[in-house]
N, C-alpha and C. Protein backbone atom coordinates (compact mmCIF):
# COMPACT_ATOMS: atom_id res chain seq x y z
N MET A 1 -65.28 62.77 -102.65
CA MET A 1 -65.93 61.63 -102.59
C MET A 1 -65.49 60.58 -101.31
N ALA A 2 -66.35 60.39 -100.86
CA ALA A 2 -65.93 59.44 -99.47
C ALA A 2 -65.58 57.90 -99.61
N THR A 3 -64.46 57.63 -98.89
CA THR A 3 -63.86 56.27 -99.44
C THR A 3 -64.54 55.40 -98.10
N LYS A 4 -64.97 54.38 -98.87
CA LYS A 4 -65.63 53.07 -97.72
C LYS A 4 -64.42 52.71 -96.94
N ARG A 5 -64.74 52.71 -95.74
CA ARG A 5 -63.51 52.00 -94.83
C ARG A 5 -63.51 50.57 -95.13
N SER A 6 -62.22 50.25 -94.85
CA SER A 6 -61.98 48.57 -95.15
C SER A 6 -62.50 47.79 -94.23
N ASP A 7 -62.75 46.64 -94.49
CA ASP A 7 -63.38 45.70 -93.56
C ASP A 7 -62.50 45.51 -92.22
N ALA A 8 -61.15 45.55 -92.26
CA ALA A 8 -60.57 45.41 -91.03
C ALA A 8 -60.71 46.74 -90.12
N ASP A 9 -60.86 47.88 -90.86
CA ASP A 9 -61.17 48.98 -89.85
C ASP A 9 -62.88 48.84 -89.47
N ARG A 10 -63.48 48.51 -90.05
CA ARG A 10 -64.93 48.18 -89.53
C ARG A 10 -65.06 47.08 -88.53
N VAL A 11 -64.51 46.05 -88.62
CA VAL A 11 -64.05 44.95 -87.32
C VAL A 11 -63.49 45.60 -86.52
N GLU A 12 -62.50 46.46 -86.41
CA GLU A 12 -61.93 46.98 -85.43
C GLU A 12 -62.97 47.81 -84.79
N ALA A 13 -63.37 48.67 -85.42
CA ALA A 13 -64.54 49.58 -84.73
C ALA A 13 -65.62 48.80 -84.15
N TYR A 14 -66.22 47.73 -84.57
CA TYR A 14 -67.23 47.11 -83.98
C TYR A 14 -66.66 46.59 -82.78
N THR A 15 -65.76 46.10 -82.99
CA THR A 15 -64.82 45.14 -81.80
C THR A 15 -64.63 46.09 -80.60
N ARG A 16 -64.01 47.41 -80.81
CA ARG A 16 -63.98 48.27 -79.75
C ARG A 16 -65.22 48.75 -79.01
N ALA A 17 -66.05 48.82 -79.82
CA ALA A 17 -67.77 49.27 -79.46
C ALA A 17 -68.04 48.36 -78.32
N LEU A 18 -68.05 47.14 -78.91
CA LEU A 18 -68.57 46.18 -77.97
C LEU A 18 -67.66 45.96 -76.64
N ILE A 19 -66.12 45.98 -76.85
CA ILE A 19 -65.53 45.54 -75.80
C ILE A 19 -65.51 47.14 -74.79
N GLU A 20 -65.87 48.19 -75.06
CA GLU A 20 -66.23 49.37 -74.28
C GLU A 20 -67.40 49.19 -73.52
N ALA A 21 -68.70 48.98 -74.30
CA ALA A 21 -69.53 48.70 -73.60
C ALA A 21 -69.54 47.70 -72.82
N ALA A 22 -69.07 46.44 -73.23
CA ALA A 22 -69.07 45.55 -72.19
C ALA A 22 -68.24 45.49 -70.82
N ARG A 23 -67.25 46.46 -71.01
CA ARG A 23 -66.29 46.48 -69.87
C ARG A 23 -66.82 47.71 -68.81
N SER A 24 -67.83 48.49 -69.41
CA SER A 24 -68.37 49.44 -68.70
C SER A 24 -69.39 48.66 -67.75
N GLU A 25 -69.98 47.63 -68.34
CA GLU A 25 -70.81 46.80 -67.69
C GLU A 25 -70.10 45.62 -66.67
N GLY A 26 -69.00 45.50 -66.90
CA GLY A 26 -68.54 44.59 -66.09
C GLY A 26 -68.76 43.10 -66.56
N ARG A 27 -68.80 43.07 -68.09
CA ARG A 27 -69.33 41.73 -68.61
C ARG A 27 -68.41 41.30 -69.89
N ALA A 28 -67.37 41.64 -69.98
CA ALA A 28 -66.67 41.65 -71.08
C ALA A 28 -66.64 40.10 -71.65
N ASN A 29 -66.23 39.11 -70.61
CA ASN A 29 -66.10 37.75 -71.03
C ASN A 29 -67.43 37.06 -71.29
N ALA A 30 -68.53 37.63 -70.70
CA ALA A 30 -69.93 37.12 -71.08
C ALA A 30 -70.17 37.42 -72.27
N ASP A 31 -70.25 38.42 -72.80
CA ASP A 31 -70.35 39.15 -73.86
C ASP A 31 -69.77 38.48 -75.26
N LEU A 32 -68.33 38.16 -74.87
CA LEU A 32 -67.42 37.37 -75.78
C LEU A 32 -68.43 35.96 -76.09
N VAL A 33 -68.80 35.40 -75.17
CA VAL A 33 -69.66 34.33 -75.20
C VAL A 33 -70.68 34.29 -75.89
N GLN A 34 -71.43 35.38 -75.65
CA GLN A 34 -72.66 35.66 -76.51
C GLN A 34 -72.30 35.92 -78.00
N TRP A 35 -71.10 36.70 -78.12
CA TRP A 35 -70.91 37.26 -79.49
C TRP A 35 -70.56 35.87 -80.61
N GLN A 36 -69.85 35.01 -79.74
CA GLN A 36 -69.42 33.57 -80.47
C GLN A 36 -70.82 32.91 -80.90
N HIS A 37 -71.90 32.92 -80.15
CA HIS A 37 -72.78 31.98 -80.66
C HIS A 37 -73.98 33.11 -81.48
N ALA A 38 -73.68 34.44 -81.76
CA ALA A 38 -74.25 35.30 -82.44
C ALA A 38 -74.65 34.73 -83.99
N ARG A 39 -73.59 34.22 -84.32
CA ARG A 39 -73.37 34.06 -85.98
C ARG A 39 -74.32 33.04 -86.44
N LYS A 40 -74.85 32.15 -85.14
CA LYS A 40 -75.74 31.12 -85.10
C LYS A 40 -77.13 31.58 -85.70
N PHE A 41 -77.55 32.75 -85.27
CA PHE A 41 -78.96 33.32 -85.24
C PHE A 41 -79.20 33.44 -86.75
N SER A 42 -80.53 33.27 -87.13
CA SER A 42 -80.96 33.36 -88.40
C SER A 42 -81.17 35.03 -88.80
N PRO A 43 -81.20 35.56 -90.03
CA PRO A 43 -81.48 36.87 -90.06
C PRO A 43 -82.60 37.41 -89.28
N GLU A 44 -83.69 36.43 -89.11
CA GLU A 44 -84.97 36.99 -88.75
C GLU A 44 -84.90 37.03 -87.58
N VAL A 45 -84.23 36.16 -86.90
CA VAL A 45 -83.91 36.42 -85.03
C VAL A 45 -83.19 37.73 -84.98
N LEU A 46 -82.22 37.90 -85.54
CA LEU A 46 -81.51 39.20 -85.44
C LEU A 46 -82.36 40.51 -85.75
N GLU A 47 -83.21 40.38 -86.80
CA GLU A 47 -83.89 41.49 -87.02
C GLU A 47 -84.86 41.90 -85.96
N THR A 48 -85.73 40.86 -85.39
CA THR A 48 -86.64 40.65 -84.40
C THR A 48 -86.09 41.44 -83.31
N LEU A 49 -84.78 40.80 -82.80
CA LEU A 49 -84.09 41.43 -81.65
C LEU A 49 -83.74 43.23 -81.73
N ALA A 50 -83.52 43.42 -83.08
CA ALA A 50 -82.71 44.77 -83.36
C ALA A 50 -84.42 45.57 -82.86
N ALA A 51 -85.41 45.32 -83.69
CA ALA A 51 -86.61 45.74 -83.57
C ALA A 51 -87.00 46.03 -81.95
N MET A 52 -86.95 45.05 -81.46
CA MET A 52 -87.06 44.87 -79.94
C MET A 52 -86.27 45.73 -79.14
N GLN A 53 -84.92 45.94 -79.59
CA GLN A 53 -84.03 46.82 -78.92
C GLN A 53 -84.57 48.19 -79.06
N ARG A 54 -84.85 48.44 -80.31
CA ARG A 54 -85.24 50.03 -80.78
C ARG A 54 -86.65 50.24 -79.94
N GLU A 55 -87.42 49.46 -79.76
CA GLU A 55 -88.72 49.64 -78.94
C GLU A 55 -88.21 49.74 -77.38
N ASN A 56 -87.15 49.48 -77.05
CA ASN A 56 -87.06 49.09 -75.79
C ASN A 56 -87.91 47.79 -75.10
N ASP A 57 -87.72 46.82 -75.85
CA ASP A 57 -88.44 45.55 -75.27
C ASP A 57 -87.91 44.36 -75.05
N LEU A 58 -86.35 44.35 -74.95
CA LEU A 58 -85.71 43.40 -74.85
C LEU A 58 -86.16 42.54 -73.45
N ASP A 59 -86.74 43.38 -72.63
CA ASP A 59 -87.00 42.74 -71.31
C ASP A 59 -88.39 41.50 -71.56
N LEU A 60 -88.88 41.65 -72.80
CA LEU A 60 -89.91 40.56 -73.20
C LEU A 60 -89.14 39.49 -74.07
N VAL A 61 -87.97 39.29 -74.16
CA VAL A 61 -87.28 38.15 -75.06
C VAL A 61 -87.95 36.66 -74.22
N ALA A 62 -87.92 36.56 -73.17
CA ALA A 62 -87.95 35.33 -72.60
C ALA A 62 -89.67 35.06 -72.66
N GLU A 63 -90.56 35.90 -72.58
CA GLU A 63 -91.87 35.64 -72.70
C GLU A 63 -92.19 35.20 -74.40
N VAL A 64 -91.67 35.96 -75.08
CA VAL A 64 -91.43 35.78 -76.81
C VAL A 64 -91.04 34.39 -77.06
N ALA A 65 -89.86 34.03 -76.45
CA ALA A 65 -89.39 32.56 -76.59
C ALA A 65 -90.43 31.63 -76.06
N LYS A 66 -91.03 31.86 -74.86
CA LYS A 66 -92.09 31.07 -74.37
C LYS A 66 -93.47 30.70 -75.22
N GLN A 67 -93.70 31.79 -75.70
CA GLN A 67 -94.89 31.62 -76.52
C GLN A 67 -94.72 31.43 -77.97
N TYR A 68 -93.48 31.61 -78.46
CA TYR A 68 -93.01 30.83 -79.70
C TYR A 68 -93.01 29.41 -79.45
N LYS A 69 -92.64 28.74 -78.41
CA LYS A 69 -92.58 27.23 -77.97
C LYS A 69 -94.13 27.10 -78.20
N GLU A 70 -94.71 27.47 -77.09
CA GLU A 70 -96.28 27.29 -77.00
C GLU A 70 -96.72 27.28 -78.50
N LEU A 71 -96.80 28.23 -79.28
CA LEU A 71 -97.29 28.20 -80.58
C LEU A 71 -96.88 27.09 -81.33
N LEU A 72 -95.50 26.85 -81.51
CA LEU A 72 -94.97 25.73 -82.12
C LEU A 72 -95.48 24.49 -81.78
N ASP A 73 -95.45 24.27 -80.48
CA ASP A 73 -96.05 23.09 -79.95
C ASP A 73 -97.43 22.84 -80.61
N THR A 74 -98.40 23.82 -80.35
CA THR A 74 -99.77 23.51 -80.88
C THR A 74 -100.14 23.63 -82.19
N GLU A 75 -99.29 24.19 -82.97
CA GLU A 75 -99.75 24.58 -84.35
C GLU A 75 -98.99 23.78 -85.24
N ASP A 76 -97.72 22.96 -84.69
CA ASP A 76 -97.03 22.24 -85.62
C ASP A 76 -97.01 20.97 -85.39
N ARG A 77 -97.30 19.87 -86.22
CA ARG A 77 -97.57 18.60 -85.80
C ARG A 77 -96.11 17.92 -85.92
N THR A 78 -95.12 18.41 -86.08
CA THR A 78 -93.79 17.90 -86.35
C THR A 78 -93.26 17.38 -84.87
N VAL A 79 -92.82 16.09 -85.26
CA VAL A 79 -92.50 15.36 -83.92
C VAL A 79 -91.01 15.29 -83.74
N SER A 80 -90.23 15.56 -82.63
CA SER A 80 -88.78 15.59 -82.76
C SER A 80 -88.60 14.25 -82.23
N VAL A 81 -87.93 13.56 -83.09
CA VAL A 81 -87.14 11.94 -82.64
C VAL A 81 -85.84 11.90 -82.57
N THR A 82 -85.38 11.75 -81.50
CA THR A 82 -83.70 11.74 -81.23
C THR A 82 -83.35 10.25 -81.48
N VAL A 83 -82.44 10.13 -82.02
CA VAL A 83 -81.79 8.29 -82.66
C VAL A 83 -80.39 8.50 -82.35
N THR A 84 -80.26 7.61 -81.38
CA THR A 84 -78.87 7.49 -81.08
C THR A 84 -78.26 6.05 -81.61
N THR A 85 -77.09 6.30 -82.30
CA THR A 85 -76.47 4.97 -82.92
C THR A 85 -74.89 4.83 -82.37
N ALA A 86 -74.41 3.96 -82.51
CA ALA A 86 -73.25 3.75 -82.23
C ALA A 86 -72.13 4.15 -83.21
N VAL A 87 -72.60 4.42 -84.32
CA VAL A 87 -71.86 5.05 -85.57
C VAL A 87 -72.95 5.99 -86.26
N PRO A 88 -72.32 6.93 -86.81
CA PRO A 88 -73.19 7.79 -87.73
C PRO A 88 -73.97 6.82 -88.84
N MET A 89 -75.32 7.42 -88.81
CA MET A 89 -76.06 6.91 -89.87
C MET A 89 -75.84 6.93 -91.18
N ASP A 90 -75.99 6.20 -92.08
CA ASP A 90 -75.92 6.23 -93.36
C ASP A 90 -77.15 6.93 -94.03
N GLU A 91 -77.19 7.26 -95.19
CA GLU A 91 -78.60 7.85 -96.06
C GLU A 91 -79.80 6.63 -95.84
N ALA A 92 -79.22 5.43 -96.21
CA ALA A 92 -80.29 4.35 -96.33
C ALA A 92 -80.98 4.40 -94.80
N LEU A 93 -80.03 4.05 -94.10
CA LEU A 93 -80.69 3.82 -92.54
C LEU A 93 -81.69 5.00 -92.09
N ARG A 94 -80.91 6.06 -92.45
CA ARG A 94 -81.57 7.45 -92.20
C ARG A 94 -83.21 7.47 -92.61
N ALA A 95 -83.18 7.38 -94.00
CA ALA A 95 -84.23 7.31 -94.58
C ALA A 95 -85.43 6.43 -93.93
N LYS A 96 -84.99 4.79 -93.55
CA LYS A 96 -85.54 3.84 -92.95
C LYS A 96 -86.20 4.42 -91.78
N VAL A 97 -85.43 4.97 -90.95
CA VAL A 97 -85.70 5.32 -89.49
C VAL A 97 -86.73 6.24 -89.76
N LEU A 98 -86.60 7.66 -90.39
CA LEU A 98 -87.64 8.52 -90.73
C LEU A 98 -88.94 8.09 -91.10
N SER A 99 -88.90 7.20 -92.37
CA SER A 99 -90.15 6.58 -92.59
C SER A 99 -90.80 5.86 -92.01
N LYS A 100 -90.29 5.04 -91.05
CA LYS A 100 -91.11 4.10 -89.93
C LYS A 100 -91.55 5.16 -89.11
N ALA A 101 -90.60 6.03 -88.55
CA ALA A 101 -91.13 6.94 -87.53
C ALA A 101 -92.20 7.88 -87.91
N GLU A 102 -92.55 8.26 -89.44
CA GLU A 102 -93.65 9.06 -89.59
C GLU A 102 -94.65 8.12 -89.75
N ARG A 103 -94.58 6.61 -90.19
CA ARG A 103 -95.69 5.83 -90.14
C ARG A 103 -96.34 5.82 -89.06
N ASP A 104 -95.26 5.38 -88.12
CA ASP A 104 -95.89 5.12 -86.74
C ASP A 104 -96.50 6.09 -85.70
N LEU A 105 -95.90 7.37 -86.01
CA LEU A 105 -96.53 8.53 -85.30
C LEU A 105 -97.82 9.25 -86.19
N ASP A 106 -97.79 8.76 -87.45
CA ASP A 106 -98.75 9.53 -88.36
C ASP A 106 -98.65 11.08 -88.13
N ALA A 107 -97.47 11.49 -88.31
CA ALA A 107 -97.02 12.79 -88.19
C ALA A 107 -95.67 13.14 -88.93
N PRO A 108 -95.42 14.22 -89.49
CA PRO A 108 -93.89 14.62 -90.11
C PRO A 108 -92.97 14.51 -88.72
N VAL A 109 -91.80 13.96 -89.05
CA VAL A 109 -90.81 13.76 -88.03
C VAL A 109 -89.48 14.85 -88.37
N TYR A 110 -88.77 15.22 -87.38
CA TYR A 110 -87.76 15.88 -87.52
C TYR A 110 -86.68 14.82 -86.59
N LEU A 111 -85.71 14.43 -87.32
CA LEU A 111 -84.65 13.57 -86.68
C LEU A 111 -83.53 14.52 -86.08
N VAL A 112 -83.26 14.00 -84.65
CA VAL A 112 -82.15 14.58 -84.04
C VAL A 112 -81.04 13.50 -83.96
N GLU A 113 -80.10 13.62 -84.58
CA GLU A 113 -78.87 12.53 -84.61
C GLU A 113 -77.99 12.41 -83.56
N ARG A 114 -77.73 11.29 -82.76
CA ARG A 114 -76.48 11.64 -81.93
C ARG A 114 -75.58 10.31 -81.91
N VAL A 115 -74.70 10.27 -81.73
CA VAL A 115 -73.77 9.04 -82.11
C VAL A 115 -73.11 8.74 -80.68
N ASP A 116 -73.13 7.69 -80.02
CA ASP A 116 -72.52 7.27 -78.65
C ASP A 116 -72.11 5.85 -78.87
N PRO A 117 -70.92 5.80 -79.12
CA PRO A 117 -70.09 4.29 -79.23
C PRO A 117 -70.35 3.39 -78.11
N GLY A 118 -70.74 4.18 -77.09
CA GLY A 118 -70.96 3.24 -75.79
C GLY A 118 -71.96 2.40 -76.04
N ILE A 119 -73.15 2.87 -76.88
CA ILE A 119 -74.12 1.69 -76.76
C ILE A 119 -73.76 0.31 -77.66
N ILE A 120 -72.43 0.40 -78.22
CA ILE A 120 -71.92 -1.01 -78.90
C ILE A 120 -72.41 -0.93 -80.39
N GLY A 121 -73.95 -1.00 -80.28
CA GLY A 121 -74.39 -1.26 -81.71
C GLY A 121 -76.07 -1.08 -81.45
N GLY A 122 -77.01 -1.15 -82.39
CA GLY A 122 -78.26 -1.10 -82.42
C GLY A 122 -78.61 0.46 -82.41
N ILE A 123 -79.96 0.75 -81.72
CA ILE A 123 -80.29 2.23 -81.83
C ILE A 123 -81.04 2.42 -80.65
N MET A 124 -81.16 3.50 -80.29
CA MET A 124 -82.01 3.91 -79.27
C MET A 124 -82.97 5.34 -79.84
N LEU A 125 -84.25 5.19 -79.38
CA LEU A 125 -85.09 6.14 -80.06
C LEU A 125 -85.46 7.21 -78.92
N GLU A 126 -85.81 8.35 -78.64
CA GLU A 126 -86.57 9.00 -78.03
C GLU A 126 -87.30 9.93 -78.38
N VAL A 127 -88.71 9.66 -78.02
CA VAL A 127 -89.78 10.41 -78.68
C VAL A 127 -90.73 10.80 -77.92
N ARG A 128 -91.22 12.06 -77.67
CA ARG A 128 -92.43 12.34 -76.74
C ARG A 128 -92.05 11.96 -75.42
N GLY A 129 -90.86 12.18 -75.02
CA GLY A 129 -90.49 11.75 -73.65
C GLY A 129 -90.37 10.19 -73.17
N LYS A 130 -90.60 9.30 -74.07
CA LYS A 130 -90.38 8.00 -74.17
C LYS A 130 -88.76 7.50 -74.71
N ARG A 131 -88.54 6.51 -74.17
CA ARG A 131 -87.05 5.95 -74.62
C ARG A 131 -87.10 4.60 -75.14
N TYR A 132 -86.78 4.34 -76.20
CA TYR A 132 -87.19 2.98 -76.90
C TYR A 132 -85.66 2.71 -77.03
N ASP A 133 -85.16 1.45 -76.20
CA ASP A 133 -83.66 1.12 -76.42
C ASP A 133 -83.34 -0.24 -77.03
N ALA A 134 -82.92 -0.12 -78.13
CA ALA A 134 -82.82 -1.57 -78.75
C ALA A 134 -81.07 -1.47 -78.88
N SER A 135 -80.49 -1.08 -78.05
CA SER A 135 -79.02 -0.97 -78.35
C SER A 135 -78.49 -2.29 -77.79
N VAL A 136 -77.40 -2.65 -78.22
CA VAL A 136 -76.60 -4.04 -77.69
C VAL A 136 -76.27 -3.74 -76.38
N ARG A 137 -76.19 -2.75 -75.81
CA ARG A 137 -75.75 -2.29 -74.47
C ARG A 137 -76.92 -2.85 -73.37
N ALA A 138 -77.89 -2.45 -74.06
CA ALA A 138 -79.26 -2.50 -73.19
C ALA A 138 -79.33 -4.42 -73.33
N GLN A 139 -79.07 -4.77 -74.47
CA GLN A 139 -79.47 -6.32 -74.65
C GLN A 139 -78.38 -6.87 -73.70
N LEU A 140 -77.23 -6.64 -73.58
CA LEU A 140 -76.38 -7.27 -72.74
C LEU A 140 -76.79 -6.95 -71.30
N ALA A 141 -77.41 -5.78 -71.09
CA ALA A 141 -77.67 -5.64 -69.48
C ALA A 141 -78.94 -6.31 -69.36
N ASN A 142 -79.73 -6.64 -69.95
CA ASN A 142 -81.08 -7.75 -69.93
C ASN A 142 -80.45 -9.00 -69.95
N ILE A 143 -79.40 -9.66 -70.49
CA ILE A 143 -78.85 -10.98 -70.25
C ILE A 143 -78.03 -11.09 -69.19
N ARG A 144 -77.45 -10.22 -68.78
CA ARG A 144 -76.91 -10.23 -67.57
C ARG A 144 -77.64 -10.15 -66.53
N LYS A 145 -78.74 -9.18 -66.35
CA LYS A 145 -79.94 -9.25 -65.32
C LYS A 145 -80.57 -11.06 -65.37
N THR A 146 -80.89 -11.44 -66.36
CA THR A 146 -81.62 -12.55 -66.37
C THR A 146 -80.50 -13.93 -65.89
N LEU A 147 -79.50 -13.83 -66.25
CA LEU A 147 -78.44 -14.83 -65.79
C LEU A 147 -78.43 -14.78 -64.37
N SER A 148 -78.12 -13.39 -63.91
CA SER A 148 -77.78 -13.22 -62.61
C SER A 148 -78.81 -13.50 -61.73
N SER A 149 -80.22 -13.37 -62.06
CA SER A 149 -81.41 -13.85 -61.47
C SER A 149 -81.73 -15.03 -61.19
N SER A 150 -81.26 -15.97 -62.43
CA SER A 150 -81.51 -17.33 -62.78
C SER A 150 -80.30 -18.12 -62.14
N PHE A 151 -78.97 -18.03 -62.11
CA PHE A 151 -78.18 -18.73 -61.47
C PHE A 151 -77.40 -18.13 -60.26
N ILE A 152 -77.37 -17.10 -60.20
CA ILE A 152 -76.69 -16.43 -58.95
C ILE A 152 -77.49 -16.43 -57.29
N GLY A 153 -79.10 -16.32 -57.87
CA GLY A 153 -79.61 -16.14 -56.70
C GLY A 153 -79.91 -17.66 -55.91
N GLY A 154 -79.34 -18.45 -56.36
CA GLY A 154 -79.50 -20.10 -55.46
C GLY A 154 -79.71 -20.92 -56.50
N GLU A 155 -81.13 -21.31 -56.61
CA GLU A 155 -81.59 -22.41 -57.33
C GLU A 155 -81.36 -22.00 -58.90
N GLU A 156 -81.12 -23.23 -59.65
CA GLU A 156 -81.32 -22.89 -60.94
C GLU A 156 -82.63 -23.12 -61.58
N LYS A 157 -82.99 -22.29 -62.47
CA LYS A 157 -84.58 -22.18 -62.82
C LYS A 157 -84.64 -23.35 -64.32
């Protein structure tokens, strides 16, 4: 009866196979970076890549990615909205932003949340290549600009 190798033995076998292949091609460090990102792939992506490997079609990866994006853009109405706030949004604010964006855009919305303490407060939205800046930083910059042009330019207005 064959005994199953331990996890540690299988891990070492996989690791040595990867290192040997990478070293023979002079790319051990590059492969390490790729390997660290591989765990982020969905099972479907891994299965598709394995099928492409079996069929010797890995040279088509860039074209598949390009067509994937094109199909997604034309067939999926979901709009990506990037929301930047000074502190993480709570559930109530997230729900308000999502609801308003879906109403205004008349489409389902996928929120990408960013935190940037440098905006001091308020909110910035980026959607379809346009930026809507209602941050405290932008408001202060506008006040500074207005004051500068009103009082420093010479005459008071």
